[in-house]
């Protein structure tokens, strides 16, 4: 009885640690940081992003 409780709480501790590490990695995601830095470095307007259409 007690052994199964120990195994259960040990498993829950491992799951909690893995979730904590994943949340920490999501907060420090370098791809999102790089994307934000590029967006601030090259100020584009919405009209600059649209492909120019040919005039008739």
C-alpha atoms as a PDB file:
ATOM      1  CA  UNK A   1       0.000   0.000   0.000  1.00  0.00           C
ATOM      2  CA  UNK A   2       2.665   2.518   1.016  1.00  0.00           C
ATOM      3  CA  UNK A   3       4.940   1.514  -1.842  1.00  0.00           C
ATOM      4  CA  UNK A   4       2.288   2.369  -4.408  1.00  0.00           C
ATOM      5  CA  UNK A   5       1.781   5.785  -2.786  1.00  0.00           C
ATOM      6  CA  UNK A   6       5.528   6.430  -2.903  1.00  0.00           C
ATOM      7  CA  UNK A   7       5.657   5.436  -6.571  1.00  0.00           C
ATOM      8  CA  UNK A   8       2.645   7.628  -7.370  1.00  0.00           C
ATOM      9  CA  UNK A   9       4.090  10.719  -5.670  1.00  0.00           C
ATOM     10  CA  UNK A  10       7.508  10.109  -7.217  1.00  0.00           C
ATOM     11  CA  UNK A  11       5.853   9.916 -10.651  1.00  0.00           C
ATOM     12  CA  UNK A  12       3.905  13.124  -9.967  1.00  0.00           C
ATOM     13  CA  UNK A  13       7.140  14.842  -8.919  1.00  0.00           C
ATOM     14  CA  UNK A  14       8.775  13.840 -12.208  1.00  0.00           C
ATOM     15  CA  UNK A  15       5.758  15.070 -14.212  1.00  0.00           C
ATOM     16  CA  UNK A  16       5.786  18.379 -12.323  1.00  0.00           C
ATOM     17  CA  UNK A  17       9.506  18.831 -13.052  1.00  0.00           C
ATOM     18  CA  UNK A  18       9.072  18.141 -16.764  1.00  0.00           C
ATOM     19  CA  UNK A  19       6.136  20.559 -17.034  1.00  0.00           C
ATOM     20  CA  UNK A  20       8.131  23.222 -15.188  1.00  0.00           C
ATOM     21  CA  UNK A  21      11.049  22.811 -17.595  1.00  0.00           C
ATOM     22  CA  UNK A  22       8.767  23.014 -20.627  1.00  0.00           C
ATOM     23  CA  UNK A  23       7.119  26.184 -19.352  1.00  0.00           C
ATOM     24  CA  UNK A  24      10.530  27.702 -18.699  1.00  0.00           C
ATOM     25  CA  UNK A  25      11.614  26.883 -22.266  1.00  0.00           C
ATOM     26  CA  UNK A  26       8.442  28.396 -23.709  1.00  0.00           C
ATOM     27  CA  UNK A  27       9.086  31.644 -21.814  1.00  0.00           C
ATOM     28  CA  UNK A  28      12.664  31.827 -23.115  1.00  0.00           C
ATOM     29  CA  UNK A  29      11.891  30.832 -26.693  1.00  0.00           C
ATOM     30  CA  UNK A  30      14.608  32.392 -28.836  1.00  0.00           C
ATOM     31  CA  UNK A  31      12.619  32.122 -32.077  1.00  0.00           C
ATOM     32  CA  UNK A  32       9.903  34.439 -30.778  1.00  0.00           C
ATOM     33  CA  UNK A  33      12.567  36.784 -29.400  1.00  0.00           C
ATOM     34  CA  UNK A  34      14.408  36.875 -32.748  1.00  0.00           C
ATOM     35  CA  UNK A  35      11.168  37.477 -34.629  1.00  0.00           C
ATOM     36  CA  UNK A  36      10.301  40.399 -32.362  1.00  0.00           C
ATOM     37  CA  UNK A  37      13.790  41.857 -32.752  1.00  0.00           C
ATOM     38  CA  UNK A  38      13.566  41.665 -36.553  1.00  0.00           C
ATOM     39  CA  UNK A  39      10.116  43.240 -36.519  1.00  0.00           C
ATOM     40  CA  UNK A  40      11.407  46.175 -34.467  1.00  0.00           C
ATOM     41  CA  UNK A  41      14.568  46.521 -36.571  1.00  0.00           C
ATOM     42  CA  UNK A  42      12.770  46.780 -39.916  1.00  0.00           C
ATOM     43  CA  UNK A  43       9.700  48.958 -39.437  1.00  0.00           C
ATOM     44  CA  UNK A  44       7.290  47.964 -42.192  1.00  0.00           C
ATOM     45  CA  UNK A  45       3.826  49.267 -42.705  1.00  0.00           C
ATOM     46  CA  UNK A  46       0.926  47.074 -43.705  1.00  0.00           C
ATOM     47  CA  UNK A  47       1.002  48.454 -47.255  1.00  0.00           C
ATOM     48  CA  UNK A  48       4.688  47.588 -47.620  1.00  0.00           C
ATOM     49  CA  UNK A  49       3.854  43.932 -47.019  1.00  0.00           C
ATOM     50  CA  UNK A  50       1.237  43.693 -49.775  1.00  0.00           C
ATOM     51  CA  UNK A  51       2.393  42.683 -53.214  1.00  0.00           C
ATOM     52  CA  UNK A  52       1.966  45.594 -55.624  1.00  0.00           C
ATOM     53  CA  UNK A  53      -0.712  45.011 -58.240  1.00  0.00           C
ATOM     54  CA  UNK A  54      -0.185  45.855 -61.884  1.00  0.00           C
ATOM     55  CA  UNK A  55      -1.927  48.930 -63.173  1.00  0.00           C
ATOM     56  CA  UNK A  56      -3.950  48.551 -66.345  1.00  0.00           C
END
